[in-house]
Protein backbone atom coordinates (compact mmCIF):
# COMPACT_ATOMS: atom_id res chain seq x y z
CA UNK A 1 296.32 -13.13 194.91
CA UNK A 2 300.03 -12.41 194.84
CA UNK A 3 301.00 -10.10 197.71
CA UNK A 4 303.22 -7.84 195.57
CA UNK A 5 300.47 -7.41 192.98
CA UNK A 6 298.00 -6.62 195.75
CA UNK A 7 300.30 -3.92 197.16
CA UNK A 8 300.96 -2.45 193.70
CA UNK A 9 297.26 -2.31 192.86
CA UNK A 10 296.14 -0.78 196.17
CA UNK A 11 298.99 1.68 196.80
CA UNK A 12 297.31 4.64 195.01
CA UNK A 13 294.24 4.43 197.27
CA UNK A 14 296.37 4.16 200.40
CA UNK A 15 298.49 7.12 199.32
CA UNK A 16 295.46 9.29 198.54
CA UNK A 17 293.85 8.41 201.87
CA UNK A 18 297.10 9.44 203.56
CA UNK A 19 296.99 12.80 201.79
CA UNK A 20 293.42 13.45 202.87
CA UNK A 21 294.21 12.37 206.44
CA UNK A 22 297.14 14.80 206.49
CA UNK A 23 294.78 17.61 205.48
CA UNK A 24 292.29 16.59 208.17
CA UNK A 25 295.08 16.47 210.79
CA UNK A 26 296.22 19.98 209.86
CA UNK A 27 292.89 21.71 209.30
CA UNK A 28 290.08 19.46 210.56
CA UNK A 29 287.25 17.69 208.78
CA UNK A 30 285.55 21.00 208.07
CA UNK A 31 288.38 21.84 205.68
CA UNK A 32 287.18 19.16 203.27
CA UNK A 33 284.82 20.06 200.47
CA UNK A 34 281.73 17.84 200.19
CA UNK A 35 283.43 16.01 197.31
CA UNK A 36 286.63 15.51 199.31
CA UNK A 37 284.63 14.27 202.31
CA UNK A 38 282.84 11.73 200.12
CA UNK A 39 286.18 10.63 198.67
CA UNK A 40 287.60 10.32 202.19
CA UNK A 41 284.77 8.05 203.35
CA UNK A 42 284.92 5.97 200.17
CA UNK A 43 288.68 5.50 200.47
CA UNK A 44 288.38 4.71 204.17
CA UNK A 45 285.83 1.97 203.48
CA UNK A 46 287.95 0.53 200.67
CA UNK A 47 291.22 0.57 202.60
CA UNK A 48 289.74 -0.72 205.86
CA UNK A 49 288.41 -3.74 203.96
CA UNK A 50 291.69 -4.59 202.25
CA UNK A 51 292.83 -8.13 202.84
CA UNK A 52 295.22 -10.40 201.05
């Protein structure tokens, strides 16, 4: 896969994970709704498995 295409395709997930992590840093995990917590864990699994 082309590196630039990979970055373009994955950037939204990385950005959203960053937003959720910012919320967790400010207010803790307990600040996440059950839906947000599920999204966080899903995004974390996706992003941690990203390879080119």
